[in-house]
Amino acid sequence: MSDSYFYIIFAIRTNFKRQNMETWIIISIVVVLLFVWMISIYNNLVKLRNNRENAFANIDVQLKQRHDLIPQLVATVKGYADHEKEVFQRVTEARAAAMNATGINEKVQTENALTSALTGLRVSLEAYPELKANQNFLQLQNEISDIENKLAAVRRFFNSATRELNNAVQTFPSNILANMFGFHTEPMFDIPKDERATFDKAPEVKF
């Protein structure tokens, strides 16, 4: 065989190896970029989840204070509205469920139920104007109003953090990694109608 034949074979092999090397380099770059992208998406999901948990920590303080005041409120108004037993029982049971709740999501659900029960109590007490002469009731009303006003602010912050996490979990392409790593949409706090009407203002709560 002539030297030209071996040269052609050598050139073909060299070119094939070069093409293989270029292909592997491209594949490696794509894999690295994909890995970096996955890390970035995952870290963002973790950050959003941590933001939600941190936001709830601020809410938890106010919720515990509200739990402490509810028995005093019920005891104070019972003498004026003794036949509202179903309303009082609903509030008491909702408070017990909220205090026994574990985990953020369970607490959110039980606190939503407690807020609804307190709203029912507030509506019922409107039929008893003589309560306004009770100094103990007025003091409790002011304390609970202060707590609810603080809750309004931190609740909106928590809902905002939850909404950001839920958007990331539901939208492409981050929803792919969310499903892979067990991220789910999370519940938000219910916003009372009076608070929705003045969303940028903390509501004034009166019993």
C-alpha atoms as a PDB file:
ATOM      1  CA  MET A   1       0.000   0.000   0.000  1.00  0.00           C
ATOM      2  CA  SER A   2       1.148   3.495  -0.795  1.00  0.00           C
ATOM      3  CA  ASP A   3       1.983   6.117   1.755  1.00  0.00           C
ATOM      4  CA  SER A   4      -0.970   8.190   0.563  1.00  0.00           C
ATOM      5  CA  TYR A   5      -3.386   5.428   1.607  1.00  0.00           C
ATOM      6  CA  PHE A   6      -2.030   5.356   5.170  1.00  0.00           C
ATOM      7  CA  TYR A   7      -2.100   9.126   5.263  1.00  0.00           C
ATOM      8  CA  ILE A   8      -5.791   9.160   4.282  1.00  0.00           C
ATOM      9  CA  ILE A   9      -6.633   6.542   6.922  1.00  0.00           C
ATOM     10  CA  PHE A  10      -4.703   8.503   9.534  1.00  0.00           C
ATOM     11  CA  ALA A  11      -6.451  11.726   8.542  1.00  0.00           C
ATOM     12  CA  ILE A  12      -9.892  10.082   8.757  1.00  0.00           C
ATOM     13  CA  ARG A  13      -9.155   8.634  12.194  1.00  0.00           C
ATOM     14  CA  THR A  14      -7.764  11.932  13.441  1.00  0.00           C
ATOM     15  CA  ASN A  15     -10.802  13.798  12.154  1.00  0.00           C
ATOM     16  CA  PHE A  16     -13.145  11.229  13.736  1.00  0.00           C
ATOM     17  CA  LYS A  17     -11.384  11.526  17.082  1.00  0.00           C
ATOM     18  CA  ARG A  18     -11.548  15.316  16.859  1.00  0.00           C
ATOM     19  CA  GLN A  19     -15.273  15.192  16.110  1.00  0.00           C
ATOM     20  CA  ASN A  20     -15.824  12.764  18.978  1.00  0.00           C
ATOM     21  CA  MET A  21     -13.895  15.015  21.320  1.00  0.00           C
ATOM     22  CA  GLU A  22     -15.888  18.067  20.223  1.00  0.00           C
ATOM     23  CA  THR A  23     -19.138  16.155  20.709  1.00  0.00           C
ATOM     24  CA  TRP A  24     -18.140  15.106  24.207  1.00  0.00           C
ATOM     25  CA  ILE A  25     -17.067  18.635  25.045  1.00  0.00           C
ATOM     26  CA  ILE A  26     -20.458  19.966  23.911  1.00  0.00           C
ATOM     27  CA  ILE A  27     -22.283  17.257  25.867  1.00  0.00           C
ATOM     28  CA  SER A  28     -20.184  18.004  28.953  1.00  0.00           C
ATOM     29  CA  ILE A  29     -20.935  21.723  28.705  1.00  0.00           C
ATOM     30  CA  VAL A  30     -24.673  21.029  28.351  1.00  0.00           C
ATOM     31  CA  VAL A  31     -24.608  18.673  31.361  1.00  0.00           C
ATOM     32  CA  VAL A  32     -22.730  21.210  33.485  1.00  0.00           C
ATOM     33  CA  LEU A  33     -25.116  24.013  32.495  1.00  0.00           C
ATOM     34  CA  LEU A  34     -28.095  21.778  33.236  1.00  0.00           C
ATOM     35  CA  PHE A  35     -26.638  20.887  36.628  1.00  0.00           C
ATOM     36  CA  VAL A  36     -25.992  24.551  37.455  1.00  0.00           C
ATOM     37  CA  TRP A  37     -29.546  25.407  36.378  1.00  0.00           C
ATOM     38  CA  MET A  38     -30.987  22.658  38.590  1.00  0.00           C
ATOM     39  CA  ILE A  39     -28.966  23.871  41.575  1.00  0.00           C
ATOM     40  CA  SER A  40     -30.135  27.436  40.981  1.00  0.00           C
ATOM     41  CA  ILE A  41     -33.809  26.423  40.757  1.00  0.00           C
ATOM     42  CA  TYR A  42     -33.556  24.163  43.811  1.00  0.00           C
ATOM     43  CA  ASN A  43     -31.821  26.831  45.889  1.00  0.00           C
ATOM     44  CA  ASN A  44     -34.508  29.338  44.921  1.00  0.00           C
ATOM     45  CA  LEU A  45     -37.255  26.928  46.009  1.00  0.00           C
ATOM     46  CA  VAL A  46     -35.496  26.389  49.341  1.00  0.00           C
ATOM     47  CA  LYS A  47     -35.116  30.145  49.803  1.00  0.00           C
ATOM     48  CA  LEU A  48     -38.823  30.712  49.103  1.00  0.00           C
ATOM     49  CA  ARG A  49     -39.791  27.973  51.553  1.00  0.00           C
ATOM     50  CA  ASN A  50     -37.512  29.473  54.217  1.00  0.00           C
ATOM     51  CA  ASN A  51     -39.011  32.925  53.611  1.00  0.00           C
ATOM     52  CA  ARG A  52     -42.465  31.483  54.262  1.00  0.00           C
ATOM     53  CA  GLU A  53     -41.330  29.747  57.452  1.00  0.00           C
ATOM     54  CA  ASN A  54     -39.636  32.913  58.718  1.00  0.00           C
ATOM     55  CA  ALA A  55     -42.768  34.930  57.967  1.00  0.00           C
ATOM     56  CA  PHE A  56     -44.853  32.488  59.979  1.00  0.00           C
ATOM     57  CA  ALA A  57     -42.547  32.833  62.979  1.00  0.00           C
ATOM     58  CA  ASN A  58     -43.655  36.469  63.262  1.00  0.00           C
ATOM     59  CA  ILE A  59     -47.306  35.422  63.055  1.00  0.00           C
ATOM     60  CA  ASP A  60     -46.946  32.680  65.669  1.00  0.00           C
ATOM     61  CA  VAL A  61     -46.121  35.194  68.405  1.00  0.00           C
ATOM     62  CA  GLN A  62     -49.331  37.143  67.768  1.00  0.00           C
ATOM     63  CA  LEU A  63     -51.417  33.972  67.513  1.00  0.00           C
ATOM     64  CA  LYS A  64     -50.274  32.782  70.944  1.00  0.00           C
ATOM     65  CA  GLN A  65     -51.246  36.127  72.452  1.00  0.00           C
ATOM     66  CA  ARG A  66     -54.674  35.847  70.821  1.00  0.00           C
ATOM     67  CA  HIS A  67     -55.095  32.337  72.259  1.00  0.00           C
ATOM     68  CA  ASP A  68     -54.386  33.681  75.750  1.00  0.00           C
ATOM     69  CA  LEU A  69     -57.006  36.434  75.516  1.00  0.00           C
ATOM     70  CA  ILE A  70     -59.890  34.389  74.095  1.00  0.00           C
ATOM     71  CA  PRO A  71     -60.863  32.585  77.377  1.00  0.00           C
ATOM     72  CA  GLN A  72     -60.954  35.944  79.166  1.00  0.00           C
ATOM     73  CA  LEU A  73     -63.131  37.406  76.431  1.00  0.00           C
ATOM     74  CA  VAL A  74     -65.569  34.482  76.488  1.00  0.00           C
ATOM     75  CA  ALA A  75     -65.801  34.580  80.297  1.00  0.00           C
ATOM     76  CA  THR A  76     -66.470  38.327  80.230  1.00  0.00           C
ATOM     77  CA  VAL A  77     -69.256  38.301  77.640  1.00  0.00           C
ATOM     78  CA  LYS A  78     -70.998  35.118  78.818  1.00  0.00           C
ATOM     79  CA  GLY A  79     -72.843  37.013  81.515  1.00  0.00           C
ATOM     80  CA  TYR A  80     -74.352  39.327  78.913  1.00  0.00           C
ATOM     81  CA  ALA A  81     -75.019  36.799  76.170  1.00  0.00           C
ATOM     82  CA  ASP A  82     -75.471  33.499  77.940  1.00  0.00           C
ATOM     83  CA  HIS A  83     -77.830  32.105  75.303  1.00  0.00           C
ATOM     84  CA  GLU A  84     -75.114  32.408  72.620  1.00  0.00           C
ATOM     85  CA  LYS A  85     -73.762  29.039  73.765  1.00  0.00           C
ATOM     86  CA  GLU A  86     -73.212  27.671  70.272  1.00  0.00           C
ATOM     87  CA  VAL A  87     -71.109  30.696  69.345  1.00  0.00           C
ATOM     88  CA  PHE A  88     -68.999  30.380  72.504  1.00  0.00           C
ATOM     89  CA  GLN A  89     -68.561  26.646  71.965  1.00  0.00           C
ATOM     90  CA  ARG A  90     -67.463  27.188  68.367  1.00  0.00           C
ATOM     91  CA  VAL A  91     -64.854  29.731  69.489  1.00  0.00           C
ATOM     92  CA  THR A  92     -63.622  27.492  72.327  1.00  0.00           C
ATOM     93  CA  GLU A  93     -63.314  24.432  70.082  1.00  0.00           C
ATOM     94  CA  ALA A  94     -61.594  26.411  67.336  1.00  0.00           C
ATOM     95  CA  ARG A  95     -59.112  27.796  69.874  1.00  0.00           C
ATOM     96  CA  ALA A  96     -58.354  24.297  71.206  1.00  0.00           C
ATOM     97  CA  ALA A  97     -57.784  22.989  67.680  1.00  0.00           C
ATOM     98  CA  ALA A  98     -55.491  25.917  66.879  1.00  0.00           C
ATOM     99  CA  MET A  99     -53.443  25.412  70.045  1.00  0.00           C
ATOM    100  CA  ASN A 100     -53.038  21.681  69.350  1.00  0.00           C
ATOM    101  CA  ALA A 101     -52.072  22.160  65.713  1.00  0.00           C
ATOM    102  CA  THR A 102     -48.568  21.143  64.672  1.00  0.00           C
ATOM    103  CA  GLY A 103     -46.795  22.310  61.558  1.00  0.00           C
ATOM    104  CA  ILE A 104     -47.339  25.509  59.637  1.00  0.00           C
ATOM    105  CA  ASN A 105     -50.037  24.219  57.281  1.00  0.00           C
ATOM    106  CA  GLU A 106     -52.179  22.718  60.042  1.00  0.00           C
ATOM    107  CA  LYS A 107     -51.817  25.919  62.049  1.00  0.00           C
ATOM    108  CA  VAL A 108     -52.859  28.017  59.064  1.00  0.00           C
ATOM    109  CA  GLN A 109     -56.010  25.931  58.584  1.00  0.00           C
ATOM    110  CA  THR A 110     -57.003  25.913  62.259  1.00  0.00           C
ATOM    111  CA  GLU A 111     -56.268  29.613  62.699  1.00  0.00           C
ATOM    112  CA  ASN A 112     -58.452  30.355  59.676  1.00  0.00           C
ATOM    113  CA  ALA A 113     -61.258  28.453  61.422  1.00  0.00           C
ATOM    114  CA  LEU A 114     -60.615  30.382  64.653  1.00  0.00           C
ATOM    115  CA  THR A 115     -60.708  33.707  62.823  1.00  0.00           C
ATOM    116  CA  SER A 116     -64.044  32.696  61.310  1.00  0.00           C
ATOM    117  CA  ALA A 117     -65.399  31.729  64.747  1.00  0.00           C
ATOM    118  CA  LEU A 118     -64.257  35.043  66.247  1.00  0.00           C
ATOM    119  CA  THR A 119     -65.952  36.892  63.401  1.00  0.00           C
ATOM    120  CA  GLY A 120     -69.178  35.063  64.275  1.00  0.00           C
ATOM    121  CA  LEU A 121     -68.745  36.045  67.914  1.00  0.00           C
ATOM    122  CA  ARG A 122     -68.165  39.663  66.985  1.00  0.00           C
ATOM    123  CA  VAL A 123     -71.368  39.730  64.928  1.00  0.00           C
ATOM    124  CA  SER A 124     -73.341  38.148  67.787  1.00  0.00           C
ATOM    125  CA  LEU A 125     -72.057  40.678  70.328  1.00  0.00           C
ATOM    126  CA  GLU A 126     -73.307  43.584  68.263  1.00  0.00           C
ATOM    127  CA  ALA A 127     -76.744  42.796  69.706  1.00  0.00           C
ATOM    128  CA  TYR A 128     -75.489  43.614  73.231  1.00  0.00           C
ATOM    129  CA  PRO A 129     -74.629  47.337  73.387  1.00  0.00           C
ATOM    130  CA  GLU A 130     -74.517  47.199  77.203  1.00  0.00           C
ATOM    131  CA  LEU A 131     -71.131  45.463  76.877  1.00  0.00           C
ATOM    132  CA  LYS A 132     -69.613  48.826  76.022  1.00  0.00           C
ATOM    133  CA  ALA A 133     -70.073  49.831  79.666  1.00  0.00           C
ATOM    134  CA  ASN A 134     -67.978  46.889  80.883  1.00  0.00           C
ATOM    135  CA  GLN A 135     -64.428  48.106  81.498  1.00  0.00           C
ATOM    136  CA  ASN A 136     -62.954  44.607  81.421  1.00  0.00           C
ATOM    137  CA  PHE A 137     -64.573  43.973  78.038  1.00  0.00           C
ATOM    138  CA  LEU A 138     -63.322  47.292  76.688  1.00  0.00           C
ATOM    139  CA  GLN A 139     -59.773  46.485  77.787  1.00  0.00           C
ATOM    140  CA  LEU A 140     -59.936  43.033  76.196  1.00  0.00           C
ATOM    141  CA  GLN A 141     -61.380  44.581  73.052  1.00  0.00           C
ATOM    142  CA  ASN A 142     -58.455  46.985  72.819  1.00  0.00           C
ATOM    143  CA  GLU A 143     -55.887  44.233  73.416  1.00  0.00           C
ATOM    144  CA  ILE A 144     -57.432  41.908  70.836  1.00  0.00           C
ATOM    145  CA  SER A 145     -57.782  44.790  68.379  1.00  0.00           C
ATOM    146  CA  ASP A 146     -54.078  45.527  68.783  1.00  0.00           C
ATOM    147  CA  ILE A 147     -53.201  41.872  68.164  1.00  0.00           C
ATOM    148  CA  GLU A 148     -55.469  41.671  65.106  1.00  0.00           C
ATOM    149  CA  ASN A 149     -53.941  44.830  63.673  1.00  0.00           C
ATOM    150  CA  LYS A 150     -50.457  43.357  64.052  1.00  0.00           C
ATOM    151  CA  LEU A 151     -51.682  40.079  62.589  1.00  0.00           C
ATOM    152  CA  ALA A 152     -53.031  41.916  59.557  1.00  0.00           C
ATOM    153  CA  ALA A 153     -49.566  43.193  58.660  1.00  0.00           C
ATOM    154  CA  VAL A 154     -47.623  39.968  59.220  1.00  0.00           C
ATOM    155  CA  ARG A 155     -50.388  37.885  57.636  1.00  0.00           C
ATOM    156  CA  ARG A 156     -50.079  39.824  54.386  1.00  0.00           C
ATOM    157  CA  PHE A 157     -46.306  39.311  54.454  1.00  0.00           C
ATOM    158  CA  PHE A 158     -46.807  35.572  55.045  1.00  0.00           C
ATOM    159  CA  ASN A 159     -49.366  35.306  52.244  1.00  0.00           C
ATOM    160  CA  SER A 160     -47.017  37.143  49.904  1.00  0.00           C
ATOM    161  CA  ALA A 161     -44.187  34.714  50.726  1.00  0.00           C
ATOM    162  CA  THR A 162     -46.565  31.773  50.258  1.00  0.00           C
ATOM    163  CA  ARG A 163     -47.784  33.116  46.923  1.00  0.00           C
ATOM    164  CA  GLU A 164     -44.203  33.417  45.636  1.00  0.00           C
ATOM    165  CA  LEU A 165     -43.472  29.824  46.647  1.00  0.00           C
ATOM    166  CA  ASN A 166     -46.704  28.545  45.078  1.00  0.00           C
ATOM    167  CA  ASN A 167     -45.975  30.389  41.831  1.00  0.00           C
ATOM    168  CA  ALA A 168     -42.540  28.781  41.633  1.00  0.00           C
ATOM    169  CA  VAL A 169     -43.999  25.342  42.384  1.00  0.00           C
ATOM    170  CA  GLN A 170     -46.675  25.673  39.701  1.00  0.00           C
ATOM    171  CA  THR A 171     -44.853  27.383  36.831  1.00  0.00           C
ATOM    172  CA  PHE A 172     -42.525  25.852  34.239  1.00  0.00           C
ATOM    173  CA  PRO A 173     -39.680  24.988  34.429  1.00  0.00           C
ATOM    174  CA  SER A 174     -39.282  25.179  38.219  1.00  0.00           C
ATOM    175  CA  ASN A 175     -42.350  22.947  38.691  1.00  0.00           C
ATOM    176  CA  ILE A 176     -40.302  20.024  37.327  1.00  0.00           C
ATOM    177  CA  LEU A 177     -37.750  20.218  40.131  1.00  0.00           C
ATOM    178  CA  ALA A 178     -40.470  21.062  42.652  1.00  0.00           C
ATOM    179  CA  ASN A 179     -42.169  17.741  41.908  1.00  0.00           C
ATOM    180  CA  MET A 180     -38.849  15.912  42.008  1.00  0.00           C
ATOM    181  CA  PHE A 181     -37.861  17.276  45.425  1.00  0.00           C
ATOM    182  CA  GLY A 182     -41.260  17.287  47.124  1.00  0.00           C
ATOM    183  CA  PHE A 183     -42.209  20.957  47.025  1.00  0.00           C
ATOM    184  CA  HIS A 184     -45.974  21.559  47.008  1.00  0.00           C
ATOM    185  CA  THR A 185     -48.392  24.477  46.938  1.00  0.00           C
ATOM    186  CA  GLU A 186     -49.028  25.704  50.475  1.00  0.00           C
ATOM    187  CA  PRO A 187     -52.152  27.215  52.102  1.00  0.00           C
ATOM    188  CA  MET A 188     -52.465  30.901  52.905  1.00  0.00           C
ATOM    189  CA  PHE A 189     -54.210  32.751  55.698  1.00  0.00           C
ATOM    190  CA  ASP A 190     -57.754  33.834  54.965  1.00  0.00           C
ATOM    191  CA  ILE A 191     -58.093  37.608  54.724  1.00  0.00           C
ATOM    192  CA  PRO A 192     -61.302  38.905  56.362  1.00  0.00           C
ATOM    193  CA  LYS A 193     -63.653  40.933  54.179  1.00  0.00           C
ATOM    194  CA  ASP A 194     -63.063  44.143  56.109  1.00  0.00           C
ATOM    195  CA  GLU A 195     -59.323  43.718  55.635  1.00  0.00           C
ATOM    196  CA  ARG A 196     -59.687  43.030  51.918  1.00  0.00           C
ATOM    197  CA  ALA A 197     -61.696  46.223  51.567  1.00  0.00           C
ATOM    198  CA  THR A 198     -58.787  48.221  52.982  1.00  0.00           C
ATOM    199  CA  PHE A 199     -55.915  45.986  51.964  1.00  0.00           C
ATOM    200  CA  ASP A 200     -53.220  48.566  52.557  1.00  0.00           C
ATOM    201  CA  LYS A 201     -54.569  49.448  55.999  1.00  0.00           C
ATOM    202  CA  ALA A 202     -54.637  47.291  59.091  1.00  0.00           C
ATOM    203  CA  PRO A 203     -58.283  46.670  60.055  1.00  0.00           C
ATOM    204  CA  GLU A 204     -59.783  48.085  63.226  1.00  0.00           C
ATOM    205  CA  VAL A 205     -61.296  45.146  65.076  1.00  0.00           C
ATOM    206  CA  LYS A 206     -64.183  45.841  67.421  1.00  0.00           C
ATOM    207  CA  PHE A 207     -66.312  43.369  69.317  1.00  0.00           C
END
